[in-house]
Amino acid sequence: MPIAYCLLPIAYCLLPIAYCLLPLAYCLLPVAYCLLPLASCLSPRNC
């Protein structure tokens, strides 16, 4: 139980960071989907 009490403040500290990075991930997701066909197009096996 003391370990949980020790990790609880760390979790509360990391929670806002997670909430901050979540929209960023949603923003980068379409970019990844856009670059995926480009990467498959540039791969040597398609040439």
PDB file of N, CA and C in Angstrom:
ATOM      1  N   MET A   1       0.808  -1.221   0.000  1.00  0.00           N
ATOM      2  CA  MET A   1       0.000   0.000   0.000  1.00  0.00           C
ATOM      3  C   MET A   1       0.846   1.280   0.000  1.00  0.00           C
ATOM      4  N   PRO A   2       1.998   1.313   0.701  1.00  0.00           N
ATOM      5  CA  PRO A   2       2.815   2.537   0.687  1.00  0.00           C
ATOM      6  C   PRO A   2       3.303   2.891  -0.718  1.00  0.00           C
ATOM      7  N   ILE A   3       3.491   1.866  -1.562  1.00  0.00           N
ATOM      8  CA  ILE A   3       3.959   2.096  -2.927  1.00  0.00           C
ATOM      9  C   ILE A   3       2.887   2.862  -3.712  1.00  0.00           C
ATOM     10  N   ALA A   4       1.620   2.518  -3.481  1.00  0.00           N
ATOM     11  CA  ALA A   4       0.509   3.193  -4.157  1.00  0.00           C
ATOM     12  C   ALA A   4       0.455   4.663  -3.748  1.00  0.00           C
ATOM     13  N   TYR A   5       0.684   4.920  -2.471  1.00  0.00           N
ATOM     14  CA  TYR A   5       0.690   6.294  -1.978  1.00  0.00           C
ATOM     15  C   TYR A   5       1.836   7.098  -2.572  1.00  0.00           C
ATOM     16  N   CYS A   6       2.885   6.412  -2.920  1.00  0.00           N
ATOM     17  CA  CYS A   6       4.050   7.064  -3.501  1.00  0.00           C
ATOM     18  C   CYS A   6       3.812   7.382  -4.974  1.00  0.00           C
ATOM     19  N   LEU A   7       3.117   6.464  -5.679  1.00  0.00           N
ATOM     20  CA  LEU A   7       2.889   6.631  -7.113  1.00  0.00           C
ATOM     21  C   LEU A   7       1.705   7.537  -7.443  1.00  0.00           C
ATOM     22  N   LEU A   8       0.815   7.745  -6.490  1.00  0.00           N
ATOM     23  CA  LEU A   8      -0.375   8.548  -6.723  1.00  0.00           C
ATOM     24  C   LEU A   8      -0.060   9.989  -7.139  1.00  0.00           C
ATOM     25  N   PRO A   9       0.862  10.689  -6.447  1.00  0.00           N
ATOM     26  CA  PRO A   9       1.176  12.059  -6.872  1.00  0.00           C
ATOM     27  C   PRO A   9       1.801  12.114  -8.267  1.00  0.00           C
ATOM     28  N   ILE A  10       2.565  11.078  -8.613  1.00  0.00           N
ATOM     29  CA  ILE A  10       3.195  11.021  -9.933  1.00  0.00           C
ATOM     30  C   ILE A  10       2.118  10.884 -11.005  1.00  0.00           C
ATOM     31  N   ALA A  11       1.099  10.067 -10.717  1.00  0.00           N
ATOM     32  CA  ALA A  11      -0.005   9.883 -11.654  1.00  0.00           C
ATOM     33  C   ALA A  11      -0.759  11.200 -11.856  1.00  0.00           C
ATOM     34  N   TYR A  12      -0.990  11.919 -10.758  1.00  0.00           N
ATOM     35  CA  TYR A  12      -1.671  13.210 -10.834  1.00  0.00           C
ATOM     36  C   TYR A  12      -0.839  14.232 -11.589  1.00  0.00           C
ATOM     37  N   CYS A  13       0.456  14.071 -11.553  1.00  0.00           N
ATOM     38  CA  CYS A  13       1.359  14.979 -12.238  1.00  0.00           C
ATOM     39  C   CYS A  13       1.365  14.688 -13.748  1.00  0.00           C
ATOM     40  N   LEU A  14       1.302  13.404 -14.105  1.00  0.00           N
ATOM     41  CA  LEU A  14       1.367  13.000 -15.509  1.00  0.00           C
ATOM     42  C   LEU A  14       0.035  13.118 -16.234  1.00  0.00           C
ATOM     43  N   LEU A  15      -1.056  13.163 -15.479  1.00  0.00           N
ATOM     44  CA  LEU A  15      -2.384  13.220 -16.078  1.00  0.00           C
ATOM     45  C   LEU A  15      -2.582  14.452 -16.966  1.00  0.00           C
ATOM     46  N   PRO A  16      -2.219  15.661 -16.509  1.00  0.00           N
ATOM     47  CA  PRO A  16      -2.390  16.831 -17.386  1.00  0.00           C
ATOM     48  C   PRO A  16      -1.519  16.750 -18.635  1.00  0.00           C
ATOM     49  N   ILE A  17      -0.354  16.133 -18.515  1.00  0.00           N
ATOM     50  CA  ILE A  17       0.542  15.987 -19.661  1.00  0.00           C
ATOM     51  C   ILE A  17      -0.112  15.083 -20.708  1.00  0.00           C
ATOM     52  N   ALA A  18      -0.772  14.022 -20.234  1.00  0.00           N
ATOM     53  CA  ALA A  18      -1.473  13.107 -21.129  1.00  0.00           C
ATOM     54  C   ALA A  18      -2.616  13.827 -21.842  1.00  0.00           C
ATOM     55  N   TYR A  19      -3.349  14.642 -21.094  1.00  0.00           N
ATOM     56  CA  TYR A  19      -4.444  15.406 -21.672  1.00  0.00           C
ATOM     57  C   TYR A  19      -3.933  16.437 -22.670  1.00  0.00           C
ATOM     58  N   CYS A  20      -2.719  16.895 -22.473  1.00  0.00           N
ATOM     59  CA  CYS A  20      -2.116  17.874 -23.355  1.00  0.00           C
ATOM     60  C   CYS A  20      -1.652  17.208 -24.651  1.00  0.00           C
ATOM     61  N   LEU A  21      -1.133  15.986 -24.549  1.00  0.00           N
ATOM     62  CA  LEU A  21      -0.597  15.279 -25.708  1.00  0.00           C
ATOM     63  C   LEU A  21      -1.673  14.590 -26.538  1.00  0.00           C
ATOM     64  N   LEU A  22      -2.837  14.358 -25.936  1.00  0.00           N
ATOM     65  CA  LEU A  22      -3.909  13.662 -26.646  1.00  0.00           C
ATOM     66  C   LEU A  22      -4.379  14.409 -27.891  1.00  0.00           C
ATOM     67  N   PRO A  23      -4.649  15.730 -27.818  1.00  0.00           N
ATOM     68  CA  PRO A  23      -5.053  16.438 -29.040  1.00  0.00           C
ATOM     69  C   PRO A  23      -3.940  16.454 -30.081  1.00  0.00           C
ATOM     70  N   LEU A  24      -2.711  16.480 -29.608  1.00  0.00           N
ATOM     71  CA  LEU A  24      -1.558  16.475 -30.501  1.00  0.00           C
ATOM     72  C   LEU A  24      -1.509  15.172 -31.284  1.00  0.00           C
ATOM     73  N   ALA A  25      -1.811  14.058 -30.605  1.00  0.00           N
ATOM     74  CA  ALA A  25      -1.841  12.757 -31.259  1.00  0.00           C
ATOM     75  C   ALA A  25      -2.945  12.710 -32.317  1.00  0.00           C
ATOM     76  N   TYR A  26      -4.098  13.289 -31.965  1.00  0.00           N
ATOM     77  CA  TYR A  26      -5.202  13.331 -32.916  1.00  0.00           C
ATOM     78  C   TYR A  26      -4.869  14.211 -34.108  1.00  0.00           C
ATOM     79  N   CYS A  27      -4.006  15.202 -33.884  1.00  0.00           N
ATOM     80  CA  CYS A  27      -3.601  16.104 -34.945  1.00  0.00           C
ATOM     81  C   CYS A  27      -2.606  15.417 -35.874  1.00  0.00           C
ATOM     82  N   LEU A  28      -1.721  14.596 -35.318  1.00  0.00           N
ATOM     83  CA  LEU A  28      -0.690  13.934 -36.100  1.00  0.00           C
ATOM     84  C   LEU A  28      -1.193  12.681 -36.811  1.00  0.00           C
ATOM     85  N   LEU A  29      -2.340  12.160 -36.377  1.00  0.00           N
ATOM     86  CA  LEU A  29      -2.875  10.947 -36.976  1.00  0.00           C
ATOM     87  C   LEU A  29      -3.188  11.106 -38.466  1.00  0.00           C
ATOM     88  N   PRO A  30      -3.883  12.190 -38.882  1.00  0.00           N
ATOM     89  CA  PRO A  30      -4.132  12.357 -40.321  1.00  0.00           C
ATOM     90  C   PRO A  30      -2.845  12.557 -41.107  1.00  0.00           C
ATOM     91  N   VAL A  31      -1.865  13.188 -40.487  1.00  0.00           N
ATOM     92  CA  VAL A  31      -0.578  13.411 -41.140  1.00  0.00           C
ATOM     93  C   VAL A  31       0.092  12.071 -41.414  1.00  0.00           C
ATOM     94  N   ALA A  32      -0.009  11.159 -40.443  1.00  0.00           N
ATOM     95  CA  ALA A  32       0.556   9.828 -40.601  1.00  0.00           C
ATOM     96  C   ALA A  32      -0.144   9.070 -41.731  1.00  0.00           C
ATOM     97  N   TYR A  33      -1.468   9.201 -41.780  1.00  0.00           N
ATOM     98  CA  TYR A  33      -2.238   8.546 -42.836  1.00  0.00           C
ATOM     99  C   TYR A  33      -1.905   9.133 -44.200  1.00  0.00           C
ATOM    100  N   CYS A  34      -1.503  10.407 -44.206  1.00  0.00           N
ATOM    101  CA  CYS A  34      -1.154  11.071 -45.450  1.00  0.00           C
ATOM    102  C   CYS A  34       0.228  10.625 -45.928  1.00  0.00           C
ATOM    103  N   LEU A  35       1.139  10.428 -44.973  1.00  0.00           N
ATOM    104  CA  LEU A  35       2.508  10.049 -45.317  1.00  0.00           C
ATOM    105  C   LEU A  35       2.660   8.562 -45.604  1.00  0.00           C
ATOM    106  N   LEU A  36       1.692   7.765 -45.154  1.00  0.00           N
ATOM    107  CA  LEU A  36       1.770   6.324 -45.336  1.00  0.00           C
ATOM    108  C   LEU A  36       1.777   5.907 -46.806  1.00  0.00           C
ATOM    109  N   PRO A  37       0.866   6.435 -47.642  1.00  0.00           N
ATOM    110  CA  PRO A  37       0.917   6.066 -49.068  1.00  0.00           C
ATOM    111  C   PRO A  37       2.186   6.577 -49.738  1.00  0.00           C
ATOM    112  N   LEU A  38       2.663   7.724 -49.279  1.00  0.00           N
ATOM    113  CA  LEU A  38       3.878   8.305 -49.826  1.00  0.00           C
ATOM    114  C   LEU A  38       5.076   7.412 -49.536  1.00  0.00           C
ATOM    115  N   ALA A  39       5.128   6.872 -48.327  1.00  0.00           N
ATOM    116  CA  ALA A  39       6.215   5.983 -47.938  1.00  0.00           C
ATOM    117  C   ALA A  39       6.154   4.677 -48.729  1.00  0.00           C
ATOM    118  N   SER A  40       4.944   4.156 -48.934  1.00  0.00           N
ATOM    119  CA  SER A  40       4.795   2.921 -49.697  1.00  0.00           C
ATOM    120  C   SER A  40       5.101   3.158 -51.170  1.00  0.00           C
ATOM    121  N   CYS A  41       4.923   4.378 -51.617  1.00  0.00           N
ATOM    122  CA  CYS A  41       5.210   4.725 -53.003  1.00  0.00           C
ATOM    123  C   CYS A  41       6.711   4.854 -53.224  1.00  0.00           C
ATOM    124  N   LEU A  42       7.397   5.356 -52.210  1.00  0.00           N
ATOM    125  CA  LEU A  42       8.835   5.571 -52.322  1.00  0.00           C
ATOM    126  C   LEU A  42       9.661   4.325 -52.004  1.00  0.00           C
ATOM    127  N   SER A  43       9.007   3.285 -51.491  1.00  0.00           N
ATOM    128  CA  SER A  43       9.743   2.069 -51.164  1.00  0.00           C
ATOM    129  C   SER A  43      10.289   1.420 -52.434  1.00  0.00           C
ATOM    130  N   PRO A  44      11.493   0.856 -52.366  1.00  0.00           N
ATOM    131  CA  PRO A  44      12.159   0.308 -53.566  1.00  0.00           C
ATOM    132  C   PRO A  44      11.403  -0.841 -54.229  1.00  0.00           C
ATOM    133  N   ARG A  45      10.591  -1.564 -53.471  1.00  0.00           N
ATOM    134  CA  ARG A  45       9.912  -2.731 -54.044  1.00  0.00           C
ATOM    135  C   ARG A  45       8.843  -2.338 -55.054  1.00  0.00           C
ATOM    136  N   ASN A  46       8.361  -1.082 -54.976  1.00  0.00           N
ATOM    137  CA  ASN A  46       7.345  -0.623 -55.927  1.00  0.00           C
ATOM    138  C   ASN A  46       7.961  -0.045 -57.189  1.00  0.00           C
ATOM    139  N   CYS A  47       9.229   0.250 -57.135  1.00  0.00           N
ATOM    140  CA  CYS A  47       9.884   0.856 -58.288  1.00  0.00           C
ATOM    141  C   CYS A  47      10.226  -0.199 -59.349  1.00  0.00           C
TER     142      CYS A  47
END
